[in-house]
PDB file of N, CA and C in Angstrom:
ATOM      1  N   MET A   1      48.276  94.935  96.719  1.00  0.00           N
ATOM      2  CA  MET A   1      49.148  93.916  96.166  1.00  0.00           C
ATOM      3  C   MET A   1      49.158  94.047  94.647  1.00  0.00           C
ATOM      4  N   ALA A   2      50.323  93.817  94.078  1.00  0.00           N
ATOM      5  CA  ALA A   2      50.487  93.961  92.634  1.00  0.00           C
ATOM      6  C   ALA A   2      49.921  92.773  91.868  1.00  0.00           C
ATOM      7  N   GLY A   3      49.926  91.596  92.468  1.00  0.00           N
ATOM      8  CA  GLY A   3      49.431  90.427  91.762  1.00  0.00           C
ATOM      9  C   GLY A   3      49.968  89.156  92.380  1.00  0.00           C
ATOM     10  N   GLU A   4      49.697  88.075  91.723  1.00  0.00           N
ATOM     11  CA  GLU A   4      50.117  86.767  92.208  1.00  0.00           C
ATOM     12  C   GLU A   4      51.585  86.515  91.878  1.00  0.00           C
ATOM     13  N   PHE A   5      52.304  85.914  92.826  1.00  0.00           N
ATOM     14  CA  PHE A   5      53.705  85.561  92.603  1.00  0.00           C
ATOM     15  C   PHE A   5      53.777  84.288  91.775  1.00  0.00           C
ATOM     16  N   VAL A   6      54.517  84.334  90.676  1.00  0.00           N
ATOM     17  CA  VAL A   6      54.676  83.180  89.809  1.00  0.00           C
ATOM     18  C   VAL A   6      56.161  82.840  89.767  1.00  0.00           C
ATOM     19  N   ARG A   7      56.483  81.604  90.123  1.00  0.00           N
ATOM     20  CA  ARG A   7      57.886  81.179  90.118  1.00  0.00           C
ATOM     21  C   ARG A   7      58.415  81.102  88.694  1.00  0.00           C
ATOM     22  N   THR A   8      59.709  81.337  88.570  1.00  0.00           N
ATOM     23  CA  THR A   8      60.385  81.181  87.284  1.00  0.00           C
ATOM     24  C   THR A   8      60.521  79.693  86.993  1.00  0.00           C
ATOM     25  N   PRO A   9      60.027  79.224  85.853  1.00  0.00           N
ATOM     26  CA  PRO A   9      60.136  77.793  85.555  1.00  0.00           C
ATOM     27  C   PRO A   9      61.583  77.388  85.318  1.00  0.00           C
ATOM     28  N   LYS A  10      62.001  76.309  85.974  1.00  0.00           N
ATOM     29  CA  LYS A  10      63.363  75.816  85.822  1.00  0.00           C
ATOM     30  C   LYS A  10      63.436  74.620  84.884  1.00  0.00           C
ATOM     31  N   ARG A  11      62.343  73.889  84.763  1.00  0.00           N
ATOM     32  CA  ARG A  11      62.292  72.710  83.901  1.00  0.00           C
ATOM     33  C   ARG A  11      60.940  72.678  83.203  1.00  0.00           C
ATOM     34  N   GLY A  12      60.822  71.792  82.251  1.00  0.00           N
ATOM     35  CA  GLY A  12      59.543  71.640  81.565  1.00  0.00           C
ATOM     36  C   GLY A  12      59.494  72.425  80.276  1.00  0.00           C
ATOM     37  N   ARG A  13      58.303  72.618  79.768  1.00  0.00           N
ATOM     38  CA  ARG A  13      58.172  73.219  78.440  1.00  0.00           C
ATOM     39  C   ARG A  13      58.485  74.710  78.441  1.00  0.00           C
ATOM     40  N   ASP A  14      58.387  75.390  79.587  1.00  0.00           N
ATOM     41  CA  ASP A  14      58.667  76.826  79.640  1.00  0.00           C
ATOM     42  C   ASP A  14      60.097  77.139  80.047  1.00  0.00           C
ATOM     43  N   ALA A  15      60.939  76.136  80.245  1.00  0.00           N
ATOM     44  CA  ALA A  15      62.289  76.371  80.738  1.00  0.00           C
ATOM     45  C   ALA A  15      63.132  77.158  79.747  1.00  0.00           C
ATOM     46  N   SER A  16      62.975  76.917  78.474  1.00  0.00           N
ATOM     47  CA  SER A  16      63.813  77.604  77.495  1.00  0.00           C
ATOM     48  C   SER A  16      63.374  79.048  77.266  1.00  0.00           C
ATOM     49  N   ARG A  17      62.266  79.432  77.821  1.00  0.00           N
ATOM     50  CA  ARG A  17      61.755  80.778  77.626  1.00  0.00           C
ATOM     51  C   ARG A  17      62.695  81.836  78.193  1.00  0.00           C
ATOM     52  N   TYR A  18      63.445  81.486  79.226  1.00  0.00           N
ATOM     53  CA  TYR A  18      64.292  82.457  79.908  1.00  0.00           C
ATOM     54  C   TYR A  18      65.747  82.385  79.470  1.00  0.00           C
ATOM     55  N   ARG A  19      66.056  81.619  78.448  1.00  0.00           N
ATOM     56  CA  ARG A  19      67.445  81.540  77.973  1.00  0.00           C
ATOM     57  C   ARG A  19      67.698  82.627  76.956  1.00  0.00           C
ATOM     58  N   GLN A  20      68.879  83.179  77.038  1.00  0.00           N
ATOM     59  CA  GLN A  20      69.289  84.193  76.083  1.00  0.00           C
ATOM     60  C   GLN A  20      69.891  83.505  74.867  1.00  0.00           C
ATOM     61  N   ALA A  21      69.420  83.851  73.706  1.00  0.00           N
ATOM     62  CA  ALA A  21      69.988  83.286  72.491  1.00  0.00           C
ATOM     63  C   ALA A  21      71.339  83.949  72.240  1.00  0.00           C
ATOM     64  N   THR A  22      72.379  83.140  72.087  1.00  0.00           N
ATOM     65  CA  THR A  22      73.708  83.680  71.861  1.00  0.00           C
ATOM     66  C   THR A  22      74.267  83.133  70.558  1.00  0.00           C
ATOM     67  N   LYS A  23      75.100  83.904  69.971  1.00  0.00           N
ATOM     68  CA  LYS A  23      75.843  83.444  68.806  1.00  0.00           C
ATOM     69  C   LYS A  23      77.156  82.870  69.325  1.00  0.00           C
ATOM     70  N   TRP A  24      78.020  82.455  68.425  1.00  0.00           N
ATOM     71  CA  TRP A  24      79.306  81.921  68.858  1.00  0.00           C
ATOM     72  C   TRP A  24      80.062  83.012  69.606  1.00  0.00           C
ATOM     73  N   PRO A  25      80.732  82.652  70.675  1.00  0.00           N
ATOM     74  CA  PRO A  25      81.327  83.647  71.595  1.00  0.00           C
ATOM     75  C   PRO A  25      82.641  84.238  71.075  1.00  0.00           C
ATOM     76  N   MET A  26      82.573  84.962  69.990  1.00  0.00           N
ATOM     77  CA  MET A  26      83.787  85.528  69.394  1.00  0.00           C
ATOM     78  C   MET A  26      84.413  86.595  70.281  1.00  0.00           C
ATOM     79  N   ALA A  27      83.606  87.395  70.969  1.00  0.00           N
ATOM     80  CA  ALA A  27      84.155  88.438  71.834  1.00  0.00           C
ATOM     81  C   ALA A  27      84.932  87.827  72.992  1.00  0.00           C
ATOM     82  N   GLU A  28      84.392  86.779  73.611  1.00  0.00           N
ATOM     83  CA  GLU A  28      85.090  86.141  74.727  1.00  0.00           C
ATOM     84  C   GLU A  28      86.380  85.475  74.271  1.00  0.00           C
ATOM     85  N   ILE A  29      86.350  84.850  73.100  1.00  0.00           N
ATOM     86  CA  ILE A  29      87.562  84.207  72.579  1.00  0.00           C
ATOM     87  C   ILE A  29      88.616  85.269  72.262  1.00  0.00           C
ATOM     88  N   ALA A  30      88.210  86.384  71.667  1.00  0.00           N
ATOM     89  CA  ALA A  30      89.155  87.454  71.351  1.00  0.00           C
ATOM     90  C   ALA A  30      89.761  88.043  72.624  1.00  0.00           C
ATOM     91  N   LEU A  31      88.926  88.284  73.638  1.00  0.00           N
ATOM     92  CA  LEU A  31      89.448  88.825  74.891  1.00  0.00           C
ATOM     93  C   LEU A  31      90.327  87.818  75.616  1.00  0.00           C
ATOM     94  N   GLY A  32      90.006  86.518  75.507  1.00  0.00           N
ATOM     95  CA  GLY A  32      90.860  85.485  76.087  1.00  0.00           C
ATOM     96  C   GLY A  32      92.212  85.453  75.420  1.00  0.00           C
ATOM     97  N   CYS A  33      92.245  85.602  74.085  1.00  0.00           N
ATOM     98  CA  CYS A  33      93.524  85.640  73.362  1.00  0.00           C
ATOM     99  C   CYS A  33      94.324  86.887  73.733  1.00  0.00           C
ATOM    100  N   LEU A  34      93.638  88.020  73.893  1.00  0.00           N
ATOM    101  CA  LEU A  34      94.314  89.247  74.293  1.00  0.00           C
ATOM    102  C   LEU A  34      94.902  89.099  75.698  1.00  0.00           C
ATOM    103  N   SER A  35      94.154  88.482  76.587  1.00  0.00           N
ATOM    104  CA  SER A  35      94.670  88.243  77.935  1.00  0.00           C
ATOM    105  C   SER A  35      95.818  87.238  77.910  1.00  0.00           C
ATOM    106  N   GLY A  36      95.750  86.258  77.011  1.00  0.00           N
ATOM    107  CA  GLY A  36      96.863  85.318  76.854  1.00  0.00           C
ATOM    108  C   GLY A  36      98.120  86.024  76.378  1.00  0.00           C
ATOM    109  N   ALA A  37      97.952  86.978  75.461  1.00  0.00           N
ATOM    110  CA  ALA A  37      99.094  87.773  75.014  1.00  0.00           C
ATOM    111  C   ALA A  37      99.651  88.596  76.171  1.00  0.00           C
ATOM    112  N   SER A  38      98.767  89.085  77.036  1.00  0.00           N
ATOM    113  CA  SER A  38      99.220  89.837  78.218  1.00  0.00           C
ATOM    114  C   SER A  38     100.030  88.952  79.154  1.00  0.00           C
ATOM    115  N   VAL A  39      99.649  87.699  79.277  1.00  0.00           N
ATOM    116  CA  VAL A  39     100.405  86.758  80.105  1.00  0.00           C
ATOM    117  C   VAL A  39     101.803  86.573  79.525  1.00  0.00           C
ATOM    118  N   ILE A  40     101.885  86.385  78.221  1.00  0.00           N
ATOM    119  CA  ILE A  40     103.188  86.190  77.567  1.00  0.00           C
ATOM    120  C   ILE A  40     104.069  87.422  77.726  1.00  0.00           C
ATOM    121  N   VAL A  41     103.491  88.603  77.526  1.00  0.00           N
ATOM    122  CA  VAL A  41     104.256  89.843  77.670  1.00  0.00           C
ATOM    123  C   VAL A  41     104.692  90.037  79.120  1.00  0.00           C
ATOM    124  N   ALA A  42     103.837  89.710  80.074  1.00  0.00           N
ATOM    125  CA  ALA A  42     104.202  89.853  81.488  1.00  0.00           C
ATOM    126  C   ALA A  42     105.371  88.943  81.843  1.00  0.00           C
ATOM    127  N   ILE A  43     105.410  87.738  81.271  1.00  0.00           N
ATOM    128  CA  ILE A  43     106.528  86.825  81.526  1.00  0.00           C
ATOM    129  C   ILE A  43     107.810  87.355  80.882  1.00  0.00           C
ATOM    130  N   GLN A  44     107.708  87.814  79.637  1.00  0.00           N
ATOM    131  CA  GLN A  44     108.896  88.286  78.913  1.00  0.00           C
ATOM    132  C   GLN A  44     109.498  89.544  79.534  1.00  0.00           C
ATOM    133  N   THR A  45     108.658  90.399  80.103  1.00  0.00           N
ATOM    134  CA  THR A  45     109.148  91.665  80.669  1.00  0.00           C
ATOM    135  C   THR A  45     109.316  91.601  82.185  1.00  0.00           C
ATOM    136  N   ASN A  46     109.170  90.402  82.762  1.00  0.00           N
ATOM    137  CA  ASN A  46     109.347  90.190  84.210  1.00  0.00           C
ATOM    138  C   ASN A  46     108.396  91.027  85.056  1.00  0.00           C
ATOM    139  N   HIS A  47     107.176  91.215  84.589  1.00  0.00           N
ATOM    140  CA  HIS A  47     106.141  91.885  85.386  1.00  0.00           C
ATOM    141  C   HIS A  47     105.355  90.812  86.145  1.00  0.00           C
ATOM    142  N   TRP A  48     105.963  90.303  87.197  1.00  0.00           N
ATOM    143  CA  TRP A  48     105.393  89.160  87.916  1.00  0.00           C
ATOM    144  C   TRP A  48     104.126  89.543  88.683  1.00  0.00           C
ATOM    145  N   PHE A  49     103.995  90.820  89.048  1.00  0.00           N
ATOM    146  CA  PHE A  49     102.792  91.239  89.776  1.00  0.00           C
ATOM    147  C   PHE A  49     101.560  91.205  88.866  1.00  0.00           C
ATOM    148  N   ALA A  50     101.711  91.503  87.582  1.00  0.00           N
ATOM    149  CA  ALA A  50     100.585  91.531  86.637  1.00  0.00           C
ATOM    150  C   ALA A  50     100.218  90.143  86.137  1.00  0.00           C
ATOM    151  N   LEU A  51     101.146  89.204  86.252  1.00  0.00           N
ATOM    152  CA  LEU A  51     100.938  87.865  85.688  1.00  0.00           C
ATOM    153  C   LEU A  51      99.708  87.145  86.241  1.00  0.00           C
ATOM    154  N   PRO A  52      99.488  87.090  87.561  1.00  0.00           N
ATOM    155  CA  PRO A  52      98.294  86.364  88.043  1.00  0.00           C
ATOM    156  C   PRO A  52      96.979  86.997  87.595  1.00  0.00           C
ATOM    157  N   PHE A  53      96.951  88.314  87.508  1.00  0.00           N
ATOM    158  CA  PHE A  53      95.715  88.985  87.096  1.00  0.00           C
ATOM    159  C   PHE A  53      95.410  88.723  85.621  1.00  0.00           C
ATOM    160  N   ALA A  54      96.428  88.833  84.793  1.00  0.00           N
ATOM    161  CA  ALA A  54      96.232  88.543  83.372  1.00  0.00           C
ATOM    162  C   ALA A  54      95.849  87.081  83.175  1.00  0.00           C
ATOM    163  N   GLY A  55      96.464  86.193  83.966  1.00  0.00           N
ATOM    164  CA  GLY A  55      96.119  84.772  83.887  1.00  0.00           C
ATOM    165  C   GLY A  55      94.679  84.502  84.304  1.00  0.00           C
ATOM    166  N   LEU A  56      94.232  85.178  85.352  1.00  0.00           N
ATOM    167  CA  LEU A  56      92.834  85.008  85.788  1.00  0.00           C
ATOM    168  C   LEU A  56      91.857  85.506  84.729  1.00  0.00           C
ATOM    169  N   PHE A  57      92.173  86.636  84.127  1.00  0.00           N
ATOM    170  CA  PHE A  57      91.307  87.137  83.051  1.00  0.00           C
ATOM    171  C   PHE A  57      91.264  86.149  81.892  1.00  0.00           C
ATOM    172  N   MET A  58      92.428  85.624  81.510  1.00  0.00           N
ATOM    173  CA  MET A  58      92.487  84.671  80.405  1.00  0.00           C
ATOM    174  C   MET A  58      91.657  83.429  80.716  1.00  0.00           C
ATOM    175  N   ILE A  59      91.839  82.876  81.896  1.00  0.00           N
ATOM    176  CA  ILE A  59      91.071  81.683  82.290  1.00  0.00           C
ATOM    177  C   ILE A  59      89.581  81.984  82.317  1.00  0.00           C
ATOM    178  N   GLY A  60      89.210  83.138  82.842  1.00  0.00           N
ATOM    179  CA  GLY A  60      87.798  83.509  82.922  1.00  0.00           C
ATOM    180  C   GLY A  60      87.141  83.655  81.562  1.00  0.00           C
ATOM    181  N   TYR A  61      87.816  84.349  80.656  1.00  0.00           N
ATOM    182  CA  TYR A  61      87.244  84.535  79.325  1.00  0.00           C
ATOM    183  C   TYR A  61      87.112  83.204  78.580  1.00  0.00           C
ATOM    184  N   PHE A  62      88.141  82.367  78.664  1.00  0.00           N
ATOM    185  CA  PHE A  62      88.063  81.079  77.970  1.00  0.00           C
ATOM    186  C   PHE A  62      87.043  80.154  78.623  1.00  0.00           C
ATOM    187  N   TYR A  63      86.848  80.271  79.938  1.00  0.00           N
ATOM    188  CA  TYR A  63      85.828  79.464  80.615  1.00  0.00           C
ATOM    189  C   TYR A  63      84.435  79.867  80.138  1.00  0.00           C
ATOM    190  N   VAL A  64      84.179  81.159  80.089  1.00  0.00           N
ATOM    191  CA  VAL A  64      82.869  81.640  79.626  1.00  0.00           C
ATOM    192  C   VAL A  64      82.643  81.228  78.175  1.00  0.00           C
ATOM    193  N   ALA A  65      83.673  81.332  77.340  1.00  0.00           N
ATOM    194  CA  ALA A  65      83.542  80.935  75.935  1.00  0.00           C
ATOM    195  C   ALA A  65      83.232  79.449  75.825  1.00  0.00           C
ATOM    196  N   SER A  66      83.903  78.625  76.637  1.00  0.00           N
ATOM    197  CA  SER A  66      83.638  77.185  76.574  1.00  0.00           C
ATOM    198  C   SER A  66      82.227  76.859  77.044  1.00  0.00           C
ATOM    199  N   ARG A  67      81.738  77.559  78.052  1.00  0.00           N
ATOM    200  CA  ARG A  67      80.370  77.329  78.516  1.00  0.00           C
ATOM    201  C   ARG A  67      79.351  77.745  77.456  1.00  0.00           C
ATOM    202  N   LEU A  68      79.604  78.839  76.760  1.00  0.00           N
ATOM    203  CA  LEU A  68      78.686  79.276  75.710  1.00  0.00           C
ATOM    204  C   LEU A  68      78.675  78.291  74.547  1.00  0.00           C
ATOM    205  N   VAL A  69      79.843  77.783  74.169  1.00  0.00           N
ATOM    206  CA  VAL A  69      79.899  76.794  73.094  1.00  0.00           C
ATOM    207  C   VAL A  69      79.165  75.528  73.526  1.00  0.00           C
ATOM    208  N   GLY A  70      79.363  75.105  74.768  1.00  0.00           N
ATOM    209  CA  GLY A  70      78.649  73.929  75.277  1.00  0.00           C
ATOM    210  C   GLY A  70      77.149  74.127  75.282  1.00  0.00           C
ATOM    211  N   GLU A  71      76.697  75.322  75.645  1.00  0.00           N
ATOM    212  CA  GLU A  71      75.262  75.613  75.636  1.00  0.00           C
ATOM    213  C   GLU A  71      74.711  75.609  74.222  1.00  0.00           C
ATOM    214  N   GLN A  72      75.485  76.129  73.270  1.00  0.00           N
ATOM    215  CA  GLN A  72      75.046  76.116  71.881  1.00  0.00           C
ATOM    216  C   GLN A  72      74.921  74.689  71.364  1.00  0.00           C
ATOM    217  N   LEU A  73      75.907  73.847  71.686  1.00  0.00           N
ATOM    218  CA  LEU A  73      75.856  72.454  71.231  1.00  0.00           C
ATOM    219  C   LEU A  73      74.699  71.707  71.883  1.00  0.00           C
ATOM    220  N   LEU A  74      74.437  71.989  73.161  1.00  0.00           N
ATOM    221  CA  LEU A  74      73.322  71.354  73.862  1.00  0.00           C
ATOM    222  C   LEU A  74      71.990  71.805  73.258  1.00  0.00           C
ATOM    223  N   ALA A  75      71.864  73.083  72.961  1.00  0.00           N
ATOM    224  CA  ALA A  75      70.629  73.588  72.356  1.00  0.00           C
ATOM    225  C   ALA A  75      70.426  72.997  70.974  1.00  0.00           C
ATOM    226  N   ARG A  76      71.504  72.833  70.225  1.00  0.00           N
ATOM    227  CA  ARG A  76      71.401  72.243  68.893  1.00  0.00           C
ATOM    228  C   ARG A  76      70.977  70.779  68.999  1.00  0.00           C
ATOM    229  N   ARG A  77      71.526  70.065  69.997  1.00  0.00           N
ATOM    230  CA  ARG A  77      71.153  68.665  70.187  1.00  0.00           C
ATOM    231  C   ARG A  77      69.701  68.552  70.636  1.00  0.00           C
ATOM    232  N   ASP A  78      69.279  69.442  71.541  1.00  0.00           N
ATOM    233  CA  ASP A  78      67.909  69.401  72.040  1.00  0.00           C
ATOM    234  C   ASP A  78      66.896  69.746  70.961  1.00  0.00           C
ATOM    235  N   SER A  79      67.283  70.543  69.985  1.00  0.00           N
ATOM    236  CA  SER A  79      66.327  70.894  68.940  1.00  0.00           C
ATOM    237  C   SER A  79      66.078  69.721  67.996  1.00  0.00           C
ATOM    238  N   THR A  80      66.985  68.745  67.971  1.00  0.00           N
ATOM    239  CA  THR A  80      66.799  67.585  67.101  1.00  0.00           C
ATOM    240  C   THR A  80      66.153  66.410  67.819  1.00  0.00           C
ATOM    241  N   VAL A  81      66.126  66.431  69.162  1.00  0.00           N
ATOM    242  CA  VAL A  81      65.550  65.344  69.944  1.00  0.00           C
ATOM    243  C   VAL A  81      64.115  65.723  70.310  1.00  0.00           C
ATOM    244  N   PRO A  82      63.122  64.846  70.101  1.00  0.00           N
ATOM    245  CA  PRO A  82      61.743  65.170  70.475  1.00  0.00           C
ATOM    246  C   PRO A  82      61.614  65.429  71.977  1.00  0.00           C
ATOM    247  N   ALA A  83      60.620  66.236  72.352  1.00  0.00           N
ATOM    248  CA  ALA A  83      60.425  66.622  73.745  1.00  0.00           C
ATOM    249  C   ALA A  83      60.158  65.420  74.639  1.00  0.00           C
ATOM    250  N   GLU A  84      59.468  64.409  74.117  1.00  0.00           N
ATOM    251  CA  GLU A  84      59.167  63.233  74.937  1.00  0.00           C
ATOM    252  C   GLU A  84      60.451  62.510  75.330  1.00  0.00           C
ATOM    253  N   ALA A  85      61.417  62.474  74.428  1.00  0.00           N
ATOM    254  CA  ALA A  85      62.678  61.788  74.715  1.00  0.00           C
ATOM    255  C   ALA A  85      63.512  62.549  75.734  1.00  0.00           C
ATOM    256  N   ARG A  86      63.334  63.876  75.804  1.00  0.00           N
ATOM    257  CA  ARG A  86      64.067  64.673  76.777  1.00  0.00           C
ATOM    258  C   ARG A  86      63.422  64.631  78.147  1.00  0.00           C
ATOM    259  N   GLY A  87      62.199  64.079  78.252  1.00  0.00           N
ATOM    260  CA  GLY A  87      61.505  64.018  79.533  1.00  0.00           C
ATOM    261  C   GLY A  87      60.803  65.309  79.895  1.00  0.00           C
ATOM    262  N   MET A  88      60.521  66.134  78.911  1.00  0.00           N
ATOM    263  CA  MET A  88      59.851  67.404  79.161  1.00  0.00           C
ATOM    264  C   MET A  88      58.343  67.206  79.128  1.00  0.00           C
ATOM    265  N   ASP A  89      57.649  68.113  79.822  1.00  0.00           N
ATOM    266  CA  ASP A  89      56.192  68.082  79.792  1.00  0.00           C
ATOM    267  C   ASP A  89      55.719  68.530  78.415  1.00  0.00           C
ATOM    268  N   VAL A  90      54.854  67.760  77.825  1.00  0.00           N
ATOM    269  CA  VAL A  90      54.348  68.073  76.491  1.00  0.00           C
ATOM    270  C   VAL A  90      52.835  68.211  76.581  1.00  0.00           C
ATOM    271  N   GLU A  91      52.308  69.244  75.934  1.00  0.00           N
ATOM    272  CA  GLU A  91      50.863  69.450  75.919  1.00  0.00           C
ATOM    273  C   GLU A  91      50.211  68.344  75.098  1.00  0.00           C
ATOM    274  N   PRO A  92      48.992  67.919  75.458  1.00  0.00           N
ATOM    275  CA  PRO A  92      48.306  66.886  74.680  1.00  0.00           C
ATOM    276  C   PRO A  92      48.121  67.271  73.221  1.00  0.00           C
ATOM    277  N   SER A  93      47.874  68.552  72.931  1.00  0.00           N
ATOM    278  CA  SER A  93      47.692  68.970  71.546  1.00  0.00           C
ATOM    279  C   SER A  93      49.000  68.811  70.764  1.00  0.00           C
ATOM    280  N   ALA A  94      50.133  69.028  71.438  1.00  0.00           N
ATOM    281  CA  ALA A  94      51.428  68.835  70.772  1.00  0.00           C
ATOM    282  C   ALA A  94      51.675  67.358  70.530  1.00  0.00           C
ATOM    283  N   MET A  95      51.231  66.514  71.431  1.00  0.00           N
ATOM    284  CA  MET A  95      51.397  65.071  71.247  1.00  0.00           C
ATOM    285  C   MET A  95      50.597  64.607  70.041  1.00  0.00           C
ATOM    286  N   ALA A  96      49.406  65.166  69.824  1.00  0.00           N
ATOM    287  CA  ALA A  96      48.562  64.775  68.703  1.00  0.00           C
ATOM    288  C   ALA A  96      49.237  65.163  67.390  1.00  0.00           C
ATOM    289  N   ARG A  97      49.940  66.335  67.388  1.00  0.00           N
ATOM    290  CA  ARG A  97      50.602  66.772  66.179  1.00  0.00           C
ATOM    291  C   ARG A  97      51.799  65.890  65.853  1.00  0.00           C
ATOM    292  N   VAL A  98      52.482  65.366  66.878  1.00  0.00           N
ATOM    293  CA  VAL A  98      53.656  64.515  66.670  1.00  0.00           C
ATOM    294  C   VAL A  98      53.239  63.179  66.110  1.00  0.00           C
ATOM    295  N   ALA A  99      52.156  62.610  66.628  1.00  0.00           N
ATOM    296  CA  ALA A  99      51.706  61.273  66.226  1.00  0.00           C
ATOM    297  C   ALA A  99      51.068  61.241  64.879  1.00  0.00           C
TER     298      ALA A  99
END
C-alpha cells in the first residue's frame, strides 16, 4: 500500500488550499467578444448552421468569465472578513493572535 487515503478538504481552514489563483479573466472575455462577432457575422452572411455553435461558444466564454469575476469578488470579500465570522475552523493559536 502506498499510504493512507486523505480526503480533499471541502470546507474549513484548508479549503482554500486547492483553489487556483486567477487574475481577471481577460482571455475569456476576449474569446467571448470574438465569438460574439462570429454570431453577428453569421447573421449578416446568412450562415444559419454556424449561428448556434458560435452562440454556444459566446455564452460559454462569458459564463466562465462571470464565474471567475464572481470568485475573485468572493475571495476579496473573504480576505477582509475574519475567519470566525465566516464560520471556518480556526486554530486556537490563531484565535490568540486575533484577540
